[in-house]
């Protein structure tokens, strides 16, 4: 009887698709992540994309039989907004039996030690190209703010000027310490340096479908 109870418990744990291996939990769930695609490898049948951000190292595969290619090349310095699903069963078996991730169609000589994800076609990817999901509404607001600051940087820096500066500071670096003066003036020389940072930030993140912050 005791054996049957143990068997039922094991089946219940497996059915919920959550696994614990050496205090590491594996759970099948859908995630939205902002991440760089730091490397692209290729096997006989698949492309393999490696992701990395502050909290995750993982990879997903995509079949080579793409129905469409896109104009935008994948940039390994930019962040992309990805909708992925973690593969609990696959990761559990990989960590249990070997440090090498065995997967049909993937050359095991790659020795993948990162966690495997399933891409839910967000963004659409084919080979080394990607359908860049740029938020055009955000782009318009972002560059309108920069243009507004352009026109007043050497003039009267009133309330709307600082509102535009505050909007940009939600997403990119603003040297606010330079305004620690009696008149709260944002120096032109500092602005020229910051402006380059803002443009570079947008170019690196535009394919991440940037969303407005409160």
Protein backbone atom coordinates (compact mmCIF):
# COMPACT_ATOMS: atom_id res chain seq x y z
CA UNK A 1 0.00 0.00 0.00
CA UNK A 2 2.84 2.35 0.90
CA UNK A 3 4.41 1.79 -2.52
CA UNK A 4 1.18 2.80 -4.27
CA UNK A 5 0.99 6.00 -2.23
CA UNK A 6 4.53 6.91 -3.22
CA UNK A 7 3.73 6.18 -6.87
CA UNK A 8 0.65 8.43 -6.79
CA UNK A 9 2.66 11.26 -5.23
CA UNK A 10 5.34 10.96 -7.91
CA UNK A 11 2.74 10.99 -10.70
CA UNK A 12 1.10 14.08 -9.22
CA UNK A 13 4.41 15.92 -9.10
CA UNK A 14 5.26 15.02 -12.70
CA UNK A 15 1.79 15.93 -14.00
CA UNK A 16 2.06 19.51 -12.72
CA UNK A 17 5.26 19.90 -14.76
CA UNK A 18 7.32 21.46 -12.00
CA UNK A 19 10.64 19.82 -11.22
CA UNK A 20 13.20 20.30 -8.49
CA UNK A 21 16.82 19.32 -9.06
CA UNK A 22 19.39 20.24 -6.42
CA UNK A 23 17.19 23.08 -5.12
CA UNK A 24 16.63 24.45 -8.62
CA UNK A 25 13.00 24.54 -9.77
CA UNK A 26 11.95 24.01 -13.38
CA UNK A 27 8.45 25.10 -14.28
CA UNK A 28 6.73 25.27 -17.67
CA UNK A 29 5.45 28.81 -18.01
CA UNK A 30 5.12 31.60 -20.56
CA UNK A 31 7.44 34.55 -20.02
CA UNK A 32 7.93 37.97 -21.57
CA UNK A 33 11.60 38.93 -21.47
CA UNK A 34 13.78 41.74 -22.75
CA UNK A 35 17.06 40.19 -23.75
CA UNK A 36 19.98 40.40 -26.12
CA UNK A 37 20.49 37.62 -28.68
CA UNK A 38 24.19 37.30 -28.01
CA UNK A 39 25.03 34.46 -30.37
CA UNK A 40 23.54 32.53 -33.27
CA UNK A 41 24.68 29.00 -34.07
CA UNK A 42 23.56 26.61 -36.76
CA UNK A 43 22.95 22.86 -36.95
CA UNK A 44 21.83 20.71 -39.84
CA UNK A 45 18.15 21.45 -39.30
CA UNK A 46 17.96 24.39 -36.89
CA UNK A 47 19.23 27.84 -36.01
CA UNK A 48 20.15 28.14 -32.32
CA UNK A 49 19.78 31.52 -30.60
CA UNK A 50 21.47 32.26 -27.26
CA UNK A 51 19.88 34.83 -24.96
CA UNK A 52 21.38 36.74 -22.07
CA UNK A 53 20.21 39.47 -19.71
CA UNK A 54 20.78 40.36 -16.07
CA UNK A 55 18.83 37.38 -14.73
CA UNK A 56 18.88 34.73 -17.46
CA UNK A 57 21.03 32.70 -19.80
CA UNK A 58 19.07 30.51 -22.16
CA UNK A 59 18.61 29.46 -25.76
CA UNK A 60 15.89 28.53 -28.23
CA UNK A 61 15.92 26.89 -31.64
CA UNK A 62 14.18 27.76 -34.89
CA UNK A 63 13.82 25.50 -37.90
CA UNK A 64 15.72 26.43 -41.03
CA UNK A 65 12.64 26.03 -43.20
CA UNK A 66 11.62 29.69 -42.77
CA UNK A 67 8.64 30.90 -44.75
CA UNK A 68 9.94 34.47 -44.85
CA UNK A 69 13.10 36.45 -44.31
CA UNK A 70 13.17 39.99 -42.98
CA UNK A 71 15.17 43.10 -43.80
CA UNK A 72 16.42 43.85 -40.28
CA UNK A 73 19.58 41.97 -39.27
CA UNK A 74 19.75 40.67 -35.70
CA UNK A 75 22.05 42.96 -33.73
CA UNK A 76 23.76 41.25 -30.78
CA UNK A 77 24.08 44.60 -28.96
CA UNK A 78 20.36 45.36 -28.98
CA UNK A 79 17.60 44.09 -26.70
CA UNK A 80 14.56 42.32 -28.12
CA UNK A 81 11.21 41.76 -26.52
CA UNK A 82 10.59 38.01 -26.60
CA UNK A 83 7.64 35.87 -25.62
CA UNK A 84 8.99 32.45 -24.66
CA UNK A 85 7.92 29.31 -22.88
CA UNK A 86 10.24 27.47 -20.54
CA UNK A 87 10.61 23.76 -21.27
CA UNK A 88 10.53 22.16 -17.79
CA UNK A 89 10.67 18.55 -18.94
CA UNK A 90 13.59 19.10 -21.30
CA UNK A 91 15.63 21.12 -18.78
CA UNK A 92 14.93 18.61 -16.02
CA UNK A 93 16.15 15.67 -18.09
CA UNK A 94 19.21 17.62 -19.21
CA UNK A 95 20.26 18.50 -15.68
CA UNK A 96 19.46 15.02 -14.36
CA UNK A 97 21.31 12.91 -16.89
CA UNK A 98 24.04 15.10 -18.31
CA UNK A 99 25.46 18.58 -18.64
CA UNK A 100 25.00 18.19 -22.39
CA UNK A 101 21.50 19.00 -23.67
CA UNK A 102 20.42 16.15 -25.93
CA UNK A 103 17.79 17.23 -28.39
CA UNK A 104 16.76 15.68 -31.67
CA UNK A 105 18.10 17.74 -34.54
CA UNK A 106 20.74 19.55 -32.46
CA UNK A 107 24.39 18.61 -32.61
CA UNK A 108 25.27 17.66 -29.02
CA UNK A 109 28.85 18.78 -29.55
CA UNK A 110 27.63 22.34 -28.83
CA UNK A 111 27.41 21.30 -25.17
CA UNK A 112 24.66 23.75 -24.26
CA UNK A 113 24.62 24.48 -20.53
CA UNK A 114 21.97 27.20 -20.67
CA UNK A 115 18.26 26.61 -20.20
CA UNK A 116 16.20 25.77 -23.25
CA UNK A 117 13.21 27.93 -24.14
CA UNK A 118 10.50 27.70 -26.78
CA UNK A 119 10.04 30.88 -28.83
CA UNK A 120 6.40 31.83 -29.28
CA UNK A 121 7.07 33.81 -32.50
CA UNK A 122 7.69 37.14 -30.81
CA UNK A 123 9.49 38.60 -32.64
CA UNK A 124 9.42 36.64 -35.90
CA UNK A 125 12.93 35.41 -36.66
CA UNK A 126 14.46 33.71 -39.66
CA UNK A 127 18.17 32.94 -39.76
CA UNK A 128 20.06 36.11 -38.88
CA UNK A 129 17.15 38.42 -39.69
CA UNK A 130 14.32 39.64 -37.50
CA UNK A 131 11.02 41.45 -37.87
CA UNK A 132 11.85 44.53 -35.81
CA UNK A 133 8.85 45.38 -33.59
CA UNK A 134 9.37 49.11 -33.18
CA UNK A 135 6.84 51.13 -31.18
CA UNK A 136 6.31 54.05 -33.57
CA UNK A 137 4.17 55.98 -31.09
CA UNK A 138 6.99 55.88 -28.55
CA UNK A 139 9.54 56.78 -31.22
CA UNK A 140 7.56 59.90 -32.14
CA UNK A 141 7.27 61.03 -28.50
CA UNK A 142 10.91 60.29 -27.74
CA UNK A 143 12.33 62.27 -30.66
CA UNK A 144 9.79 65.08 -30.20
CA UNK A 145 11.18 65.49 -26.68
CA UNK A 146 14.74 65.62 -27.98
CA UNK A 147 13.78 68.15 -30.66
CA UNK A 148 12.03 70.32 -28.04
CA UNK A 149 15.16 70.32 -25.88
CA UNK A 150 17.22 71.16 -28.98
CA UNK A 151 15.24 74.37 -29.47
CA UNK A 152 15.52 75.59 -25.86
CA UNK A 153 18.87 74.32 -24.62
CA UNK A 154 20.46 77.75 -25.09
CA UNK A 155 17.28 79.67 -24.24
CA UNK A 156 14.75 79.76 -21.38
CA UNK A 157 14.53 76.33 -19.78
CA UNK A 158 11.01 76.42 -18.36
CA UNK A 159 8.57 73.83 -17.05
CA UNK A 160 7.91 72.11 -20.39
CA UNK A 161 11.65 71.89 -21.01
CA UNK A 162 12.14 70.00 -17.75
CA UNK A 163 9.11 67.81 -18.48
CA UNK A 164 10.72 66.74 -21.75
CA UNK A 165 13.98 66.08 -19.94
CA UNK A 166 12.17 64.07 -17.26
CA UNK A 167 10.45 61.95 -19.91
CA UNK A 168 13.78 61.01 -21.48
CA UNK A 169 15.31 60.28 -18.06
CA UNK A 170 12.78 57.44 -17.58
CA UNK A 171 14.53 55.49 -20.34
CA UNK A 172 18.08 56.77 -20.78
CA UNK A 173 20.78 58.57 -18.83
CA UNK A 174 20.38 62.28 -18.04
CA UNK A 175 23.18 64.05 -16.17
CA UNK A 176 20.79 65.52 -13.60
CA UNK A 177 23.67 66.33 -11.25
CA UNK A 178 24.71 69.04 -13.73
CA UNK A 179 21.51 70.94 -12.85
CA UNK A 180 22.39 71.25 -9.17
CA UNK A 181 22.72 74.99 -9.46
CA UNK A 182 20.58 77.89 -8.35
CA UNK A 183 18.83 78.37 -11.70
CA UNK A 184 18.49 74.62 -12.47
CA UNK A 185 20.15 75.21 -15.83
CA UNK A 186 20.99 72.15 -17.94
CA UNK A 187 24.40 73.03 -19.48
CA UNK A 188 24.71 72.87 -23.26
CA UNK A 189 28.01 71.00 -23.15
CA UNK A 190 26.53 68.29 -20.93
CA UNK A 191 23.47 68.09 -23.16
CA UNK A 192 25.57 67.41 -26.27
CA UNK A 193 27.14 64.40 -24.53
CA UNK A 194 23.82 63.14 -23.13
CA UNK A 195 22.09 63.53 -26.49
CA UNK A 196 24.48 61.04 -28.10
CA UNK A 197 23.70 58.57 -25.29
CA UNK A 198 19.95 58.96 -25.89
CA UNK A 199 20.22 58.30 -29.62
CA UNK A 200 22.48 55.29 -29.03
CA UNK A 201 20.06 53.91 -26.39
CA UNK A 202 17.14 54.14 -28.78
CA UNK A 203 18.98 52.44 -31.63
CA UNK A 204 19.99 49.57 -29.35
CA UNK A 205 16.51 49.08 -27.89
CA UNK A 206 14.07 50.05 -30.64
CA UNK A 207 13.34 46.43 -31.59
CA UNK A 208 12.25 45.68 -28.01
CA UNK A 209 8.83 47.27 -28.64
CA UNK A 210 9.56 49.96 -26.01
CA UNK A 211 6.56 50.74 -23.80
CA UNK A 212 5.68 53.98 -22.05
CA UNK A 213 6.45 54.20 -18.33
CA UNK A 214 4.26 55.96 -15.78
